[in-house]
Structures are given as C-alpha cells and as structure tokens.
mmCIF file of all heavy atoms, coordinates in Angstrom:
data_MODEL
# 
_entry.id   MODEL 
# 
loop_
_atom_site.group_PDB 
_atom_site.id 
_atom_site.type_symbol 
_atom_site.label_atom_id 
_atom_site.label_alt_id 
_atom_site.label_comp_id 
_atom_site.label_asym_id 
_atom_site.label_entity_id 
_atom_site.label_seq_id 
_atom_site.pdbx_PDB_ins_code 
_atom_site.Cartn_x 
_atom_site.Cartn_y 
_atom_site.Cartn_z 
_atom_site.occupancy 
_atom_site.B_iso_or_equiv 
_atom_site.pdbx_formal_charge 
_atom_site.auth_seq_id 
_atom_site.auth_comp_id 
_atom_site.auth_asym_id 
_atom_site.auth_atom_id 
_atom_site.pdbx_PDB_model_num 
ATOM 1   N N   . GLY A 1 1  ? 5.984  -6.063 -6.972  1.00 0.00 ? 1  GLY A N   1 
ATOM 2   C CA  . GLY A 1 1  ? 6.607  -4.991 -6.213  1.00 0.00 ? 1  GLY A CA  1 
ATOM 3   C C   . GLY A 1 1  ? 5.671  -3.812 -6.069  1.00 0.00 ? 1  GLY A C   1 
ATOM 4   O O   . GLY A 1 1  ? 4.485  -3.894 -6.407  1.00 0.00 ? 1  GLY A O   1 
ATOM 5   N N   . ASN A 1 2  ? 6.218  -2.718 -5.579  1.00 0.00 ? 2  ASN A N   1 
ATOM 6   C CA  . ASN A 1 2  ? 5.389  -1.555 -5.249  1.00 0.00 ? 2  ASN A CA  1 
ATOM 7   C C   . ASN A 1 2  ? 5.620  -0.364 -6.165  1.00 0.00 ? 2  ASN A C   1 
ATOM 8   O O   . ASN A 1 2  ? 5.230  0.757  -5.827  1.00 0.00 ? 2  ASN A O   1 
ATOM 9   C CB  . ASN A 1 2  ? 5.665  -1.134 -3.796  1.00 0.00 ? 2  ASN A CB  1 
ATOM 10  C CG  . ASN A 1 2  ? 5.264  -2.198 -2.799  1.00 0.00 ? 2  ASN A CG  1 
ATOM 11  O OD1 . ASN A 1 2  ? 4.116  -2.642 -2.789  1.00 0.00 ? 2  ASN A OD1 1 
ATOM 12  N ND2 . ASN A 1 2  ? 6.202  -2.609 -1.964  1.00 0.00 ? 2  ASN A ND2 1 
ATOM 13  N N   . ALA A 1 3  ? 6.222  -0.578 -7.335  1.00 0.00 ? 3  ALA A N   1 
ATOM 14  C CA  . ALA A 1 3  ? 6.542  0.560  -8.212  1.00 0.00 ? 3  ALA A CA  1 
ATOM 15  C C   . ALA A 1 3  ? 5.287  1.329  -8.613  1.00 0.00 ? 3  ALA A C   1 
ATOM 16  O O   . ALA A 1 3  ? 5.257  2.566  -8.541  1.00 0.00 ? 3  ALA A O   1 
ATOM 17  C CB  . ALA A 1 3  ? 7.291  0.072  -9.447  1.00 0.00 ? 3  ALA A CB  1 
ATOM 18  N N   . ASP A 1 4  ? 4.275  0.624  -9.064  1.00 0.00 ? 4  ASP A N   1 
ATOM 19  C CA  . ASP A 1 4  ? 3.059  1.313  -9.506  1.00 0.00 ? 4  ASP A CA  1 
ATOM 20  C C   . ASP A 1 4  ? 2.415  2.100  -8.372  1.00 0.00 ? 4  ASP A C   1 
ATOM 21  O O   . ASP A 1 4  ? 1.956  3.233  -8.566  1.00 0.00 ? 4  ASP A O   1 
ATOM 22  C CB  . ASP A 1 4  ? 2.066  0.297  -10.087 1.00 0.00 ? 4  ASP A CB  1 
ATOM 23  C CG  . ASP A 1 4  ? 2.513  -0.254 -11.433 1.00 0.00 ? 4  ASP A CG  1 
ATOM 24  O OD1 . ASP A 1 4  ? 3.381  0.367  -12.068 1.00 0.00 ? 4  ASP A OD1 1 
ATOM 25  O OD2 . ASP A 1 4  ? 2.004  -1.323 -11.830 1.00 0.00 ? 4  ASP A OD2 1 
ATOM 26  N N   . THR A 1 5  ? 2.378  1.499  -7.196  1.00 0.00 ? 5  THR A N   1 
ATOM 27  C CA  . THR A 1 5  ? 1.770  2.175  -6.052  1.00 0.00 ? 5  THR A CA  1 
ATOM 28  C C   . THR A 1 5  ? 2.580  3.400  -5.644  1.00 0.00 ? 5  THR A C   1 
ATOM 29  O O   . THR A 1 5  ? 2.019  4.458  -5.331  1.00 0.00 ? 5  THR A O   1 
ATOM 30  C CB  . THR A 1 5  ? 1.646  1.208  -4.863  1.00 0.00 ? 5  THR A CB  1 
ATOM 31  O OG1 . THR A 1 5  ? 0.973  0.018  -5.285  1.00 0.00 ? 5  THR A OG1 1 
ATOM 32  C CG2 . THR A 1 5  ? 0.859  1.832  -3.727  1.00 0.00 ? 5  THR A CG2 1 
ATOM 33  N N   . LEU A 1 6  ? 3.898  3.286  -5.653  1.00 0.00 ? 6  LEU A N   1 
ATOM 34  C CA  . LEU A 1 6  ? 4.743  4.443  -5.339  1.00 0.00 ? 6  LEU A CA  1 
ATOM 35  C C   . LEU A 1 6  ? 4.495  5.591  -6.310  1.00 0.00 ? 6  LEU A C   1 
ATOM 36  O O   . LEU A 1 6  ? 4.347  6.745  -5.900  1.00 0.00 ? 6  LEU A O   1 
ATOM 37  C CB  . LEU A 1 6  ? 6.213  4.040  -5.382  1.00 0.00 ? 6  LEU A CB  1 
ATOM 38  C CG  . LEU A 1 6  ? 6.784  3.378  -4.129  1.00 0.00 ? 6  LEU A CG  1 
ATOM 39  C CD1 . LEU A 1 6  ? 8.144  2.746  -4.415  1.00 0.00 ? 6  LEU A CD1 1 
ATOM 40  C CD2 . LEU A 1 6  ? 6.904  4.381  -2.986  1.00 0.00 ? 6  LEU A CD2 1 
ATOM 41  N N   . ASN A 1 7  ? 4.433  5.270  -7.598  1.00 0.00 ? 7  ASN A N   1 
ATOM 42  C CA  . ASN A 1 7  ? 4.194  6.321  -8.592  1.00 0.00 ? 7  ASN A CA  1 
ATOM 43  C C   . ASN A 1 7  ? 2.808  6.935  -8.441  1.00 0.00 ? 7  ASN A C   1 
ATOM 44  O O   . ASN A 1 7  ? 2.635  8.149  -8.606  1.00 0.00 ? 7  ASN A O   1 
ATOM 45  C CB  . ASN A 1 7  ? 4.377  5.759  -10.001 1.00 0.00 ? 7  ASN A CB  1 
ATOM 46  C CG  . ASN A 1 7  ? 5.833  5.505  -10.326 1.00 0.00 ? 7  ASN A CG  1 
ATOM 47  O OD1 . ASN A 1 7  ? 6.723  6.192  -9.824  1.00 0.00 ? 7  ASN A OD1 1 
ATOM 48  N ND2 . ASN A 1 7  ? 6.101  4.506  -11.155 1.00 0.00 ? 7  ASN A ND2 1 
ATOM 49  N N   . ALA A 1 8  ? 1.814  6.112  -8.127  1.00 0.00 ? 8  ALA A N   1 
ATOM 50  C CA  . ALA A 1 8  ? 0.458  6.625  -7.939  1.00 0.00 ? 8  ALA A CA  1 
ATOM 51  C C   . ALA A 1 8  ? 0.387  7.589  -6.758  1.00 0.00 ? 8  ALA A C   1 
ATOM 52  O O   . ALA A 1 8  ? -0.462 8.491  -6.733  1.00 0.00 ? 8  ALA A O   1 
ATOM 53  C CB  . ALA A 1 8  ? -0.521 5.465  -7.737  1.00 0.00 ? 8  ALA A CB  1 
ATOM 54  N N   . GLN A 1 9  ? 1.290  7.408  -5.778  1.00 0.00 ? 9  GLN A N   1 
ATOM 55  C CA  . GLN A 1 9  ? 1.315  8.267  -4.590  1.00 0.00 ? 9  GLN A CA  1 
ATOM 56  C C   . GLN A 1 9  ? 2.439  9.317  -4.670  1.00 0.00 ? 9  GLN A C   1 
ATOM 57  O O   . GLN A 1 9  ? 2.802  9.901  -3.637  1.00 0.00 ? 9  GLN A O   1 
ATOM 58  C CB  . GLN A 1 9  ? 1.478  7.414  -3.321  1.00 0.00 ? 9  GLN A CB  1 
ATOM 59  C CG  . GLN A 1 9  ? 0.302  6.478  -3.085  1.00 0.00 ? 9  GLN A CG  1 
ATOM 60  C CD  . GLN A 1 9  ? 0.334  5.785  -1.726  1.00 0.00 ? 9  GLN A CD  1 
ATOM 61  O OE1 . GLN A 1 9  ? -0.614 5.068  -1.374  1.00 0.00 ? 9  GLN A OE1 1 
ATOM 62  N NE2 . GLN A 1 9  ? 1.373  5.978  -0.928  1.00 0.00 ? 9  GLN A NE2 1 
ATOM 63  N N   . ASP A 1 10 ? 2.967  9.560  -5.875  1.00 0.00 ? 10 ASP A N   1 
ATOM 64  C CA  . ASP A 1 10 ? 4.029  10.548 -6.074  1.00 0.00 ? 10 ASP A CA  1 
ATOM 65  C C   . ASP A 1 10 ? 5.240  10.239 -5.194  1.00 0.00 ? 10 ASP A C   1 
ATOM 66  O O   . ASP A 1 10 ? 5.942  11.132 -4.722  1.00 0.00 ? 10 ASP A O   1 
ATOM 67  C CB  . ASP A 1 10 ? 3.518  11.965 -5.782  1.00 0.00 ? 10 ASP A CB  1 
ATOM 68  C CG  . ASP A 1 10 ? 4.495  13.045 -6.243  1.00 0.00 ? 10 ASP A CG  1 
ATOM 69  O OD1 . ASP A 1 10 ? 5.276  12.785 -7.187  1.00 0.00 ? 10 ASP A OD1 1 
ATOM 70  O OD2 . ASP A 1 10 ? 4.503  14.141 -5.643  1.00 0.00 ? 10 ASP A OD2 1 
ATOM 71  N N   . GLY A 1 11 ? 5.497  8.944  -4.952  1.00 0.00 ? 11 GLY A N   1 
ATOM 72  C CA  . GLY A 1 11 ? 6.631  8.532  -4.137  1.00 0.00 ? 11 GLY A CA  1 
ATOM 73  C C   . GLY A 1 11 ? 6.443  8.691  -2.645  1.00 0.00 ? 11 GLY A C   1 
ATOM 74  O O   . GLY A 1 11 ? 7.335  8.349  -1.859  1.00 0.00 ? 11 GLY A O   1 
ATOM 75  N N   . LEU A 1 12 ? 5.301  9.198  -2.219  1.00 0.00 ? 12 LEU A N   1 
ATOM 76  C CA  . LEU A 1 12 ? 5.065  9.473  -0.798  1.00 0.00 ? 12 LEU A CA  1 
ATOM 77  C C   . LEU A 1 12 ? 4.554  8.230  -0.066  1.00 0.00 ? 12 LEU A C   1 
ATOM 78  O O   . LEU A 1 12 ? 3.828  7.418  -0.624  1.00 0.00 ? 12 LEU A O   1 
ATOM 79  C CB  . LEU A 1 12 ? 4.048  10.600 -0.639  1.00 0.00 ? 12 LEU A CB  1 
ATOM 80  C CG  . LEU A 1 12 ? 4.410  11.949 -1.262  1.00 0.00 ? 12 LEU A CG  1 
ATOM 81  C CD1 . LEU A 1 12 ? 3.229  12.912 -1.137  1.00 0.00 ? 12 LEU A CD1 1 
ATOM 82  C CD2 . LEU A 1 12 ? 5.649  12.532 -0.592  1.00 0.00 ? 12 LEU A CD2 1 
ATOM 83  N N   . PHE A 1 13 ? 4.935  8.110  1.190   1.00 0.00 ? 13 PHE A N   1 
ATOM 84  C CA  . PHE A 1 13 ? 4.364  7.075  2.066   1.00 0.00 ? 13 PHE A CA  1 
ATOM 85  C C   . PHE A 1 13 ? 4.536  7.538  3.506   1.00 0.00 ? 13 PHE A C   1 
ATOM 86  O O   . PHE A 1 13 ? 5.341  8.436  3.806   1.00 0.00 ? 13 PHE A O   1 
ATOM 87  C CB  . PHE A 1 13 ? 5.035  5.714  1.848   1.00 0.00 ? 13 PHE A CB  1 
ATOM 88  C CG  . PHE A 1 13 ? 6.451  5.637  2.338   1.00 0.00 ? 13 PHE A CG  1 
ATOM 89  C CD1 . PHE A 1 13 ? 6.747  5.187  3.617   1.00 0.00 ? 13 PHE A CD1 1 
ATOM 90  C CD2 . PHE A 1 13 ? 7.502  6.028  1.520   1.00 0.00 ? 13 PHE A CD2 1 
ATOM 91  C CE1 . PHE A 1 13 ? 8.055  5.125  4.071   1.00 0.00 ? 13 PHE A CE1 1 
ATOM 92  C CE2 . PHE A 1 13 ? 8.820  5.967  1.958   1.00 0.00 ? 13 PHE A CE2 1 
ATOM 93  C CZ  . PHE A 1 13 ? 9.095  5.519  3.247   1.00 0.00 ? 13 PHE A CZ  1 
ATOM 94  N N   . THR A 1 14 ? 3.786  6.912  4.391   1.00 0.00 ? 14 THR A N   1 
ATOM 95  C CA  . THR A 1 14 ? 3.813  7.280  5.803   1.00 0.00 ? 14 THR A CA  1 
ATOM 96  C C   . THR A 1 14 ? 4.610  6.258  6.594   1.00 0.00 ? 14 THR A C   1 
ATOM 97  O O   . THR A 1 14 ? 4.372  5.057  6.481   1.00 0.00 ? 14 THR A O   1 
ATOM 98  C CB  . THR A 1 14 ? 2.389  7.346  6.374   1.00 0.00 ? 14 THR A CB  1 
ATOM 99  O OG1 . THR A 1 14 ? 1.593  8.224  5.558   1.00 0.00 ? 14 THR A OG1 1 
ATOM 100 C CG2 . THR A 1 14 ? 2.393  7.847  7.807   1.00 0.00 ? 14 THR A CG2 1 
ATOM 101 N N   . LEU A 1 15 ? 5.559  6.741  7.367   1.00 0.00 ? 15 LEU A N   1 
ATOM 102 C CA  . LEU A 1 15 ? 6.304  5.884  8.285   1.00 0.00 ? 15 LEU A CA  1 
ATOM 103 C C   . LEU A 1 15 ? 5.703  6.015  9.675   1.00 0.00 ? 15 LEU A C   1 
ATOM 104 O O   . LEU A 1 15 ? 5.542  7.127  10.187  1.00 0.00 ? 15 LEU A O   1 
ATOM 105 C CB  . LEU A 1 15 ? 7.776  6.288  8.314   1.00 0.00 ? 15 LEU A CB  1 
ATOM 106 C CG  . LEU A 1 15 ? 8.664  5.497  9.273   1.00 0.00 ? 15 LEU A CG  1 
ATOM 107 C CD1 . LEU A 1 15 ? 8.767  4.033  8.846   1.00 0.00 ? 15 LEU A CD1 1 
ATOM 108 C CD2 . LEU A 1 15 ? 10.058 6.130  9.365   1.00 0.00 ? 15 LEU A CD2 1 
ATOM 109 N N   . VAL A 1 16 ? 5.355  4.880  10.269  1.00 0.00 ? 16 VAL A N   1 
ATOM 110 C CA  . VAL A 1 16 ? 4.817  4.840  11.621  1.00 0.00 ? 16 VAL A CA  1 
ATOM 111 C C   . VAL A 1 16 ? 5.840  4.132  12.506  1.00 0.00 ? 16 VAL A C   1 
ATOM 112 O O   . VAL A 1 16 ? 6.165  2.967  12.278  1.00 0.00 ? 16 VAL A O   1 
ATOM 113 C CB  . VAL A 1 16 ? 3.473  4.096  11.677  1.00 0.00 ? 16 VAL A CB  1 
ATOM 114 C CG1 . VAL A 1 16 ? 2.923  4.083  13.100  1.00 0.00 ? 16 VAL A CG1 1 
ATOM 115 C CG2 . VAL A 1 16 ? 2.459  4.719  10.716  1.00 0.00 ? 16 VAL A CG2 1 
ATOM 116 N N   . GLU A 1 17 ? 6.365  4.846  13.478  1.00 0.00 ? 17 GLU A N   1 
ATOM 117 C CA  . GLU A 1 17 ? 7.320  4.265  14.426  1.00 0.00 ? 17 GLU A CA  1 
ATOM 118 C C   . GLU A 1 17 ? 6.588  3.949  15.721  1.00 0.00 ? 17 GLU A C   1 
ATOM 119 O O   . GLU A 1 17 ? 5.991  4.835  16.337  1.00 0.00 ? 17 GLU A O   1 
ATOM 120 C CB  . GLU A 1 17 ? 8.468  5.242  14.692  1.00 0.00 ? 17 GLU A CB  1 
ATOM 121 C CG  . GLU A 1 17 ? 9.318  5.521  13.465  1.00 0.00 ? 17 GLU A CG  1 
ATOM 122 C CD  . GLU A 1 17 ? 10.424 6.520  13.736  1.00 0.00 ? 17 GLU A CD  1 
ATOM 123 O OE1 . GLU A 1 17 ? 10.215 7.425  14.579  1.00 0.00 ? 17 GLU A OE1 1 
ATOM 124 O OE2 . GLU A 1 17 ? 11.476 6.389  13.113  1.00 0.00 ? 17 GLU A OE2 1 
ATOM 125 N N   . ARG A 1 18 ? 6.667  2.683  16.122  1.00 0.00 ? 18 ARG A N   1 
ATOM 126 C CA  . ARG A 1 18 ? 5.970  2.228  17.325  1.00 0.00 ? 18 ARG A CA  1 
ATOM 127 C C   . ARG A 1 18 ? 6.917  1.403  18.190  1.00 0.00 ? 18 ARG A C   1 
ATOM 128 O O   . ARG A 1 18 ? 7.585  0.501  17.693  1.00 0.00 ? 18 ARG A O   1 
ATOM 129 C CB  . ARG A 1 18 ? 4.776  1.350  16.959  1.00 0.00 ? 18 ARG A CB  1 
ATOM 130 C CG  . ARG A 1 18 ? 3.611  2.065  16.319  1.00 0.00 ? 18 ARG A CG  1 
ATOM 131 C CD  . ARG A 1 18 ? 2.571  1.059  15.872  1.00 0.00 ? 18 ARG A CD  1 
ATOM 132 N NE  . ARG A 1 18 ? 1.314  1.686  15.505  1.00 0.00 ? 18 ARG A NE  1 
ATOM 133 C CZ  . ARG A 1 18 ? 0.294  1.039  14.972  1.00 0.00 ? 18 ARG A CZ  1 
ATOM 134 N NH1 . ARG A 1 18 ? 0.384  -0.269 14.738  1.00 0.00 ? 18 ARG A NH1 1 
ATOM 135 N NH2 . ARG A 1 18 ? -0.830 1.667  14.672  1.00 0.00 ? 18 ARG A NH2 1 
ATOM 136 N N   . GLY A 1 19 ? 6.944  1.716  19.468  1.00 0.00 ? 19 GLY A N   1 
ATOM 137 C CA  . GLY A 1 19 ? 7.781  0.919  20.351  1.00 0.00 ? 19 GLY A CA  1 
ATOM 138 C C   . GLY A 1 19 ? 8.027  1.618  21.663  1.00 0.00 ? 19 GLY A C   1 
ATOM 139 O O   . GLY A 1 19 ? 7.237  2.472  22.097  1.00 0.00 ? 19 GLY A O   1 
ATOM 140 N N   . LEU A 1 20 ? 9.131  1.253  22.306  1.00 0.00 ? 20 LEU A N   1 
ATOM 141 C CA  . LEU A 1 20 ? 9.513  1.832  23.586  1.00 0.00 ? 20 LEU A CA  1 
ATOM 142 C C   . LEU A 1 20 ? 10.770 2.662  23.419  1.00 0.00 ? 20 LEU A C   1 
ATOM 143 O O   . LEU A 1 20 ? 11.699 2.265  22.712  1.00 0.00 ? 20 LEU A O   1 
ATOM 144 C CB  . LEU A 1 20 ? 9.773  0.727  24.617  1.00 0.00 ? 20 LEU A CB  1 
ATOM 145 C CG  . LEU A 1 20 ? 8.595  -0.197 24.966  1.00 0.00 ? 20 LEU A CG  1 
ATOM 146 C CD1 . LEU A 1 20 ? 9.056  -1.295 25.908  1.00 0.00 ? 20 LEU A CD1 1 
ATOM 147 C CD2 . LEU A 1 20 ? 7.456  0.593  25.587  1.00 0.00 ? 20 LEU A CD2 1 
ATOM 148 N N   . GLU A 1 21 ? 10.797 3.800  24.072  1.00 0.00 ? 21 GLU A N   1 
ATOM 149 C CA  . GLU A 1 21 ? 12.001 4.620  24.171  1.00 0.00 ? 21 GLU A CA  1 
ATOM 150 C C   . GLU A 1 21 ? 12.147 5.059  25.616  1.00 0.00 ? 21 GLU A C   1 
ATOM 151 O O   . GLU A 1 21 ? 11.263 5.715  26.165  1.00 0.00 ? 21 GLU A O   1 
ATOM 152 C CB  . GLU A 1 21 ? 11.922 5.845  23.256  1.00 0.00 ? 21 GLU A CB  1 
ATOM 153 C CG  . GLU A 1 21 ? 12.216 5.532  21.797  1.00 0.00 ? 21 GLU A CG  1 
ATOM 154 C CD  . GLU A 1 21 ? 12.352 6.783  20.951  1.00 0.00 ? 21 GLU A CD  1 
ATOM 155 O OE1 . GLU A 1 21 ? 11.975 7.873  21.443  1.00 0.00 ? 21 GLU A OE1 1 
ATOM 156 O OE2 . GLU A 1 21 ? 12.806 6.682  19.802  1.00 0.00 ? 21 GLU A OE2 1 
ATOM 157 N N   . ASN A 1 22 ? 13.252 4.630  26.230  1.00 0.00 ? 22 ASN A N   1 
ATOM 158 C CA  . ASN A 1 22 ? 13.491 4.933  27.647  1.00 0.00 ? 22 ASN A CA  1 
ATOM 159 C C   . ASN A 1 22 ? 12.322 4.476  28.509  1.00 0.00 ? 22 ASN A C   1 
ATOM 160 O O   . ASN A 1 22 ? 11.921 5.156  29.458  1.00 0.00 ? 22 ASN A O   1 
ATOM 161 C CB  . ASN A 1 22 ? 13.747 6.428  27.840  1.00 0.00 ? 22 ASN A CB  1 
ATOM 162 C CG  . ASN A 1 22 ? 14.958 6.898  27.063  1.00 0.00 ? 22 ASN A CG  1 
ATOM 163 O OD1 . ASN A 1 22 ? 15.983 6.230  27.027  1.00 0.00 ? 22 ASN A OD1 1 
ATOM 164 N ND2 . ASN A 1 22 ? 14.833 8.056  26.422  1.00 0.00 ? 22 ASN A ND2 1 
ATOM 165 N N   . GLY A 1 23 ? 11.773 3.306  28.155  1.00 0.00 ? 23 GLY A N   1 
ATOM 166 C CA  . GLY A 1 23 ? 10.702 2.707  28.927  1.00 0.00 ? 23 GLY A CA  1 
ATOM 167 C C   . GLY A 1 23 ? 9.315  3.239  28.645  1.00 0.00 ? 23 GLY A C   1 
ATOM 168 O O   . GLY A 1 23 ? 8.336  2.743  29.208  1.00 0.00 ? 23 GLY A O   1 
ATOM 169 N N   . LYS A 1 24 ? 9.190  4.239  27.785  1.00 0.00 ? 24 LYS A N   1 
ATOM 170 C CA  . LYS A 1 24 ? 7.889  4.833  27.501  1.00 0.00 ? 24 LYS A CA  1 
ATOM 171 C C   . LYS A 1 24 ? 7.391  4.409  26.120  1.00 0.00 ? 24 LYS A C   1 
ATOM 172 O O   . LYS A 1 24 ? 8.173  4.332  25.167  1.00 0.00 ? 24 LYS A O   1 
ATOM 173 C CB  . LYS A 1 24 ? 7.973  6.362  27.565  1.00 0.00 ? 24 LYS A CB  1 
ATOM 174 C CG  . LYS A 1 24 ? 8.328  6.898  28.942  1.00 0.00 ? 24 LYS A CG  1 
ATOM 175 C CD  . LYS A 1 24 ? 8.382  8.421  28.934  1.00 0.00 ? 24 LYS A CD  1 
ATOM 176 C CE  . LYS A 1 24 ? 8.735  8.958  30.312  1.00 0.00 ? 24 LYS A CE  1 
ATOM 177 N NZ  . LYS A 1 24 ? 8.802  10.450 30.319  1.00 0.00 ? 24 LYS A NZ  1 
# 
C-alpha cells in the first residue's frame, strides 16, 4: 500500500483532472 509514501509526503498528493467539459 501507500502508507509509507503518504507519511513521507505529510499526507499531500497532487490530483490531476483531465478530460472534456462542455466539449472543451
């Protein structure tokens, strides 16, 4: 799992949203 990695990053992570919204 990712427990160690989460703790090493102080619980932080980046969410990247990719796709189409209203055709764009």
